[in-house]
Every structure is written in structure tokens, then in C-alpha cells.
């Protein structure tokens, strides 16, 4: 499936999320789907053993695993997520992510 670069062309149609982003060896790839004042929706593809170091953001965020598996640590508490599972990362709580296997996730961040 060819990647569609314009989020507006995805409106009002059925789309397979997994097909909208590709893995890259040794890298984390992201694609912003929605970027509004109220929040963002971003797709990510993590190669195995890649991750995001511990950080905080001032907004609540929901992580939904599209495929694969990830270890997420939220305020020191480990959470393993696999395909079809989600968790909430509360605002101002330190969190980090590591790819147990290659995985794709949808990150929804709510700013208001």
C-alpha cells in the first residue's frame, strides 16, 4: 500500500493504520495524523530495541499498540503492551518506551 502523505485525504474513509507507516532499520519513525490546538494523533513505528528515553509532557496521552509489543515505564511502573492493548500516560508523569519487538503504535495526546 502506498503511503498517503496528506491526512486530509484520509477523512471519511476506512483506512488500515498499520499500512500508513513503515518500519526503518534501527530507527523510530513517526507520522502526524492530526495536529490541532486541542491535541495530536501520531503514528509511530519502532524497530526492535529502539525507544524513547524517559521524559514528561504536560498532557495526558493514550498509547494504543497496533502490532508488536512494547515495554512502557510510567513513573517507575513497568507495563508491557501487545497488539490491541492500550494505556494512559498521565500528564507530568515520567515515562519511557522500549520496543520488545518491532511495534507500531497510535499516540493520542490531549492538550486541553
N, C-alpha and C. Protein backbone atom coordinates (compact mmCIF):
# COMPACT_ATOMS: atom_id res chain seq x y z
N UNK A 1 0.84 -1.18 0.00
CA UNK A 1 0.00 0.00 0.00
C UNK A 1 0.89 1.24 0.00
N UNK A 2 0.63 2.15 -0.87
CA UNK A 2 1.39 3.41 -0.94
C UNK A 2 1.01 4.27 0.25
N UNK A 3 2.00 4.93 0.84
CA UNK A 3 1.73 5.81 1.96
C UNK A 3 1.11 7.10 1.46
N UNK A 4 0.03 7.51 2.10
CA UNK A 4 -0.66 8.73 1.76
C UNK A 4 -0.16 9.82 2.70
N UNK A 5 0.50 10.82 2.17
CA UNK A 5 1.15 11.84 2.99
C UNK A 5 0.22 12.93 3.49
N UNK A 6 -0.97 13.07 2.94
CA UNK A 6 -1.88 14.14 3.30
C UNK A 6 -3.00 13.60 4.20
N UNK A 7 -3.00 13.95 5.51
CA UNK A 7 -4.03 13.44 6.40
C UNK A 7 -5.44 13.79 5.96
N UNK A 8 -5.62 14.91 5.28
CA UNK A 8 -6.96 15.29 4.83
C UNK A 8 -7.55 14.28 3.87
N UNK A 9 -6.72 13.60 3.08
CA UNK A 9 -7.24 12.62 2.12
C UNK A 9 -7.68 11.33 2.82
N UNK A 10 -7.40 11.21 4.11
CA UNK A 10 -7.82 10.04 4.87
C UNK A 10 -9.20 10.22 5.48
N UNK A 11 -9.73 11.44 5.44
CA UNK A 11 -11.02 11.75 6.05
C UNK A 11 -12.15 11.01 5.35
N UNK A 12 -13.10 10.57 6.15
CA UNK A 12 -14.35 9.97 5.67
C UNK A 12 -14.14 8.71 4.85
N UNK A 13 -13.12 7.91 5.20
CA UNK A 13 -12.93 6.62 4.53
C UNK A 13 -12.26 5.65 5.49
N UNK A 14 -12.44 4.36 5.24
CA UNK A 14 -11.81 3.32 6.04
C UNK A 14 -10.34 3.21 5.65
N UNK A 15 -9.46 3.16 6.65
CA UNK A 15 -8.02 3.11 6.40
C UNK A 15 -7.38 2.15 7.39
N UNK A 16 -6.46 1.32 6.93
CA UNK A 16 -5.71 0.43 7.79
C UNK A 16 -4.53 1.20 8.38
N UNK A 17 -4.54 1.42 9.69
CA UNK A 17 -3.47 2.21 10.33
C UNK A 17 -2.09 1.64 10.09
N UNK A 18 -1.96 0.33 10.18
CA UNK A 18 -0.64 -0.30 10.06
C UNK A 18 0.01 0.02 8.71
N UNK A 19 -0.79 0.14 7.67
CA UNK A 19 -0.26 0.40 6.34
C UNK A 19 0.14 1.85 6.09
N UNK A 20 -0.12 2.74 7.05
CA UNK A 20 0.17 4.15 6.86
C UNK A 20 1.59 4.54 7.29
N UNK A 21 2.32 3.59 7.88
CA UNK A 21 3.69 3.88 8.34
C UNK A 21 4.52 2.61 8.18
N UNK A 22 5.80 2.78 7.86
CA UNK A 22 6.69 1.65 7.63
C UNK A 22 7.82 1.65 8.65
N UNK A 23 8.33 0.46 8.94
CA UNK A 23 9.49 0.34 9.82
C UNK A 23 10.74 0.78 9.06
N UNK A 24 11.71 1.24 9.83
CA UNK A 24 13.03 1.58 9.29
C UNK A 24 14.06 0.95 10.22
N UNK A 25 15.01 0.20 9.67
CA UNK A 25 16.01 -0.48 10.49
C UNK A 25 16.72 0.49 11.43
N UNK A 26 16.78 0.13 12.71
CA UNK A 26 17.50 0.92 13.70
C UNK A 26 16.92 2.28 14.00
N UNK A 27 15.62 2.47 13.74
CA UNK A 27 15.05 3.81 13.88
C UNK A 27 13.64 3.80 14.45
N UNK A 28 13.21 5.00 14.84
CA UNK A 28 11.83 5.27 15.22
C UNK A 28 11.28 6.21 14.15
N UNK A 29 10.16 5.83 13.56
CA UNK A 29 9.53 6.63 12.50
C UNK A 29 8.20 7.15 13.03
N UNK A 30 7.89 8.40 12.74
CA UNK A 30 6.59 8.95 13.17
C UNK A 30 5.90 9.63 12.01
N UNK A 31 4.58 9.68 12.12
CA UNK A 31 3.75 10.35 11.12
C UNK A 31 2.57 11.00 11.83
N UNK A 32 2.50 12.32 11.78
CA UNK A 32 1.41 13.05 12.40
C UNK A 32 0.15 12.91 11.56
N UNK A 33 -0.92 12.46 12.21
CA UNK A 33 -2.19 12.27 11.52
C UNK A 33 -3.11 13.48 11.73
N UNK A 34 -3.12 13.99 12.97
CA UNK A 34 -3.92 15.16 13.32
C UNK A 34 -3.07 16.04 14.22
N UNK A 35 -3.06 17.33 13.94
CA UNK A 35 -2.31 18.28 14.78
C UNK A 35 -3.20 19.51 14.97
N UNK A 36 -3.86 19.55 16.10
CA UNK A 36 -4.80 20.64 16.42
C UNK A 36 -4.42 21.25 17.76
N UNK A 37 -4.97 22.41 18.04
CA UNK A 37 -4.70 23.06 19.32
C UNK A 37 -5.09 22.16 20.50
N UNK A 38 -6.17 21.39 20.34
CA UNK A 38 -6.66 20.54 21.42
C UNK A 38 -5.84 19.28 21.61
N UNK A 39 -5.04 18.89 20.60
CA UNK A 39 -4.23 17.68 20.75
C UNK A 39 -3.72 17.16 19.42
N UNK A 40 -2.99 16.04 19.52
CA UNK A 40 -2.40 15.43 18.33
C UNK A 40 -2.68 13.93 18.31
N UNK A 41 -2.65 13.38 17.11
CA UNK A 41 -2.71 11.94 16.90
C UNK A 41 -1.53 11.61 15.99
N UNK A 42 -0.65 10.74 16.48
CA UNK A 42 0.58 10.43 15.76
C UNK A 42 0.79 8.93 15.69
N UNK A 43 1.14 8.44 14.51
CA UNK A 43 1.53 7.04 14.33
C UNK A 43 3.03 6.92 14.52
N UNK A 44 3.46 5.82 15.14
CA UNK A 44 4.88 5.54 15.32
C UNK A 44 5.18 4.12 14.89
N UNK A 45 6.36 3.90 14.34
CA UNK A 45 6.88 2.57 14.05
C UNK A 45 8.27 2.48 14.67
N UNK A 46 8.45 1.57 15.62
CA UNK A 46 9.72 1.39 16.33
C UNK A 46 10.37 0.10 15.88
N UNK A 47 11.63 0.15 15.48
CA UNK A 47 12.37 -1.06 15.22
C UNK A 47 12.67 -1.71 16.57
N UNK A 48 12.93 -3.03 16.56
CA UNK A 48 13.23 -3.74 17.80
C UNK A 48 14.39 -3.08 18.54
N UNK A 49 14.26 -3.00 19.86
CA UNK A 49 15.24 -2.40 20.78
C UNK A 49 15.35 -0.89 20.68
N UNK A 50 14.56 -0.25 19.84
CA UNK A 50 14.53 1.21 19.79
C UNK A 50 13.55 1.71 20.84
N UNK A 51 13.63 2.98 21.18
CA UNK A 51 12.70 3.50 22.17
C UNK A 51 12.79 5.00 22.31
N UNK A 52 12.10 5.48 23.32
CA UNK A 52 12.13 6.88 23.71
C UNK A 52 12.59 6.92 25.16
N UNK A 53 13.61 7.72 25.44
CA UNK A 53 14.12 7.81 26.81
C UNK A 53 13.09 8.50 27.70
N UNK A 54 13.28 8.35 29.00
CA UNK A 54 12.33 8.90 29.96
C UNK A 54 12.18 10.42 29.77
N UNK A 55 10.93 10.84 29.76
CA UNK A 55 10.61 12.26 29.61
C UNK A 55 9.22 12.51 30.21
N UNK A 56 8.85 13.75 30.31
CA UNK A 56 7.50 14.11 30.76
C UNK A 56 6.91 15.10 29.76
N UNK A 57 5.59 15.10 29.70
CA UNK A 57 4.86 16.10 28.91
C UNK A 57 3.70 16.60 29.76
N UNK A 58 3.26 17.82 29.54
CA UNK A 58 2.21 18.39 30.38
C UNK A 58 0.79 17.98 29.95
N UNK A 59 0.66 16.89 29.20
CA UNK A 59 -0.65 16.47 28.68
C UNK A 59 -0.84 14.97 28.90
N UNK A 60 -2.09 14.56 29.07
CA UNK A 60 -2.41 13.14 29.08
C UNK A 60 -2.22 12.59 27.68
N UNK A 61 -1.77 11.33 27.62
CA UNK A 61 -1.57 10.69 26.32
C UNK A 61 -2.01 9.24 26.40
N UNK A 62 -2.65 8.77 25.33
CA UNK A 62 -3.07 7.38 25.23
C UNK A 62 -2.20 6.69 24.18
N UNK A 63 -1.66 5.53 24.54
CA UNK A 63 -0.88 4.71 23.61
C UNK A 63 -1.71 3.48 23.27
N UNK A 64 -1.88 3.21 21.98
CA UNK A 64 -2.58 2.02 21.51
C UNK A 64 -1.62 1.25 20.60
N UNK A 65 -1.37 -0.03 20.91
CA UNK A 65 -0.44 -0.84 20.13
C UNK A 65 -1.18 -1.47 18.94
N UNK A 66 -0.73 -1.15 17.75
CA UNK A 66 -1.33 -1.65 16.51
C UNK A 66 -0.78 -3.03 16.17
N UNK A 67 0.54 -3.22 16.36
CA UNK A 67 1.17 -4.52 16.16
C UNK A 67 2.46 -4.57 16.95
N UNK A 68 2.88 -5.78 17.31
CA UNK A 68 4.12 -5.95 18.06
C UNK A 68 3.92 -5.79 19.56
N UNK A 69 5.03 -5.52 20.27
CA UNK A 69 4.99 -5.40 21.72
C UNK A 69 5.98 -4.34 22.19
N UNK A 70 5.60 -3.64 23.27
CA UNK A 70 6.43 -2.58 23.82
C UNK A 70 6.41 -2.64 25.34
N UNK A 71 7.53 -2.28 25.94
CA UNK A 71 7.59 -2.06 27.38
C UNK A 71 7.52 -0.56 27.61
N UNK A 72 6.57 -0.15 28.43
CA UNK A 72 6.42 1.25 28.77
C UNK A 72 6.58 1.37 30.28
N UNK A 73 7.35 2.33 30.71
CA UNK A 73 7.51 2.60 32.14
C UNK A 73 6.89 3.95 32.42
N UNK A 74 5.95 3.96 33.38
CA UNK A 74 5.26 5.19 33.75
C UNK A 74 5.48 5.40 35.25
N UNK A 75 6.18 6.47 35.59
CA UNK A 75 6.51 6.77 36.99
C UNK A 75 7.14 5.55 37.67
N UNK A 76 8.04 4.88 36.97
CA UNK A 76 8.76 3.74 37.52
C UNK A 76 8.02 2.42 37.46
N UNK A 77 6.75 2.42 37.03
CA UNK A 77 5.96 1.20 36.95
C UNK A 77 6.00 0.64 35.52
N UNK A 78 6.52 -0.61 35.36
CA UNK A 78 6.58 -1.19 34.01
C UNK A 78 5.21 -1.72 33.56
N UNK A 79 4.92 -1.51 32.28
CA UNK A 79 3.70 -2.00 31.66
C UNK A 79 4.10 -2.61 30.32
N UNK A 80 3.76 -3.87 30.09
CA UNK A 80 4.01 -4.49 28.77
C UNK A 80 2.70 -4.41 27.99
N UNK A 81 2.78 -3.82 26.80
CA UNK A 81 1.62 -3.72 25.92
C UNK A 81 1.87 -4.54 24.66
N UNK A 82 0.84 -5.25 24.22
CA UNK A 82 0.90 -6.02 22.99
C UNK A 82 -0.25 -5.60 22.09
N UNK A 83 -0.24 -6.11 20.87
CA UNK A 83 -1.24 -5.75 19.85
C UNK A 83 -2.65 -5.71 20.45
N UNK A 84 -3.32 -4.60 20.19
CA UNK A 84 -4.69 -4.43 20.63
C UNK A 84 -4.84 -3.86 22.03
N UNK A 85 -3.73 -3.64 22.74
CA UNK A 85 -3.79 -3.11 24.09
C UNK A 85 -3.42 -1.63 24.11
N UNK A 86 -3.87 -0.96 25.19
CA UNK A 86 -3.59 0.46 25.33
C UNK A 86 -3.34 0.80 26.79
N UNK A 87 -2.77 1.97 27.01
CA UNK A 87 -2.62 2.52 28.35
C UNK A 87 -2.66 4.03 28.26
N UNK A 88 -2.88 4.64 29.40
CA UNK A 88 -2.85 6.10 29.51
C UNK A 88 -1.57 6.50 30.22
N UNK A 89 -0.87 7.46 29.66
CA UNK A 89 0.30 8.05 30.32
C UNK A 89 -0.16 9.41 30.84
N UNK A 90 -0.33 9.53 32.18
CA UNK A 90 -0.86 10.78 32.73
C UNK A 90 0.09 11.96 32.54
N UNK A 91 -0.49 13.13 32.45
CA UNK A 91 0.28 14.37 32.32
C UNK A 91 1.29 14.49 33.46
N UNK A 92 2.46 15.00 33.13
CA UNK A 92 3.53 15.30 34.09
C UNK A 92 4.11 14.08 34.80
N UNK A 93 3.80 12.87 34.34
CA UNK A 93 4.37 11.65 34.90
C UNK A 93 5.51 11.21 33.98
N UNK A 94 6.70 10.92 34.51
CA UNK A 94 7.80 10.47 33.65
C UNK A 94 7.47 9.12 33.01
N UNK A 95 7.79 9.00 31.73
CA UNK A 95 7.53 7.74 31.03
C UNK A 95 8.60 7.51 29.96
N UNK A 96 8.78 6.24 29.61
CA UNK A 96 9.74 5.83 28.59
C UNK A 96 9.16 4.62 27.86
N UNK A 97 9.61 4.40 26.63
CA UNK A 97 9.14 3.27 25.83
C UNK A 97 10.32 2.53 25.22
N UNK A 98 10.22 1.19 25.16
CA UNK A 98 11.22 0.36 24.50
C UNK A 98 10.51 -0.72 23.69
N UNK A 99 10.99 -0.95 22.48
CA UNK A 99 10.41 -1.97 21.61
C UNK A 99 10.91 -3.35 22.00
N UNK A 100 10.02 -4.21 22.50
CA UNK A 100 10.34 -5.61 22.78
C UNK A 100 10.52 -6.33 21.44
N UNK A 101 9.61 -6.06 20.52
CA UNK A 101 9.69 -6.48 19.12
C UNK A 101 9.45 -5.21 18.31
N UNK A 102 9.59 -5.29 17.02
CA UNK A 102 9.14 -4.15 16.22
C UNK A 102 7.69 -3.90 16.59
N UNK A 103 7.33 -2.64 16.75
CA UNK A 103 5.92 -2.37 17.04
C UNK A 103 5.49 -1.05 16.43
N UNK A 104 4.19 -0.97 16.20
CA UNK A 104 3.56 0.25 15.73
C UNK A 104 2.54 0.67 16.77
N UNK A 105 2.47 1.97 17.00
CA UNK A 105 1.51 2.48 17.98
C UNK A 105 0.85 3.75 17.48
N UNK A 106 -0.31 4.00 18.02
CA UNK A 106 -1.02 5.24 17.79
C UNK A 106 -0.99 6.01 19.10
N UNK A 107 -0.45 7.22 19.07
CA UNK A 107 -0.34 8.06 20.26
C UNK A 107 -1.34 9.21 20.11
N UNK A 108 -2.26 9.31 21.06
CA UNK A 108 -3.24 10.39 21.07
C UNK A 108 -2.94 11.26 22.29
N UNK A 109 -2.58 12.52 22.05
CA UNK A 109 -2.24 13.44 23.12
C UNK A 109 -3.33 14.51 23.21
N UNK A 110 -3.85 14.70 24.43
CA UNK A 110 -4.93 15.66 24.66
C UNK A 110 -4.35 16.86 25.40
N UNK A 111 -4.40 18.01 24.76
CA UNK A 111 -3.78 19.22 25.33
C UNK A 111 -4.72 20.04 26.20
N UNK A 112 -6.02 19.81 26.09
CA UNK A 112 -6.93 20.66 26.88
C UNK A 112 -7.67 19.87 27.92
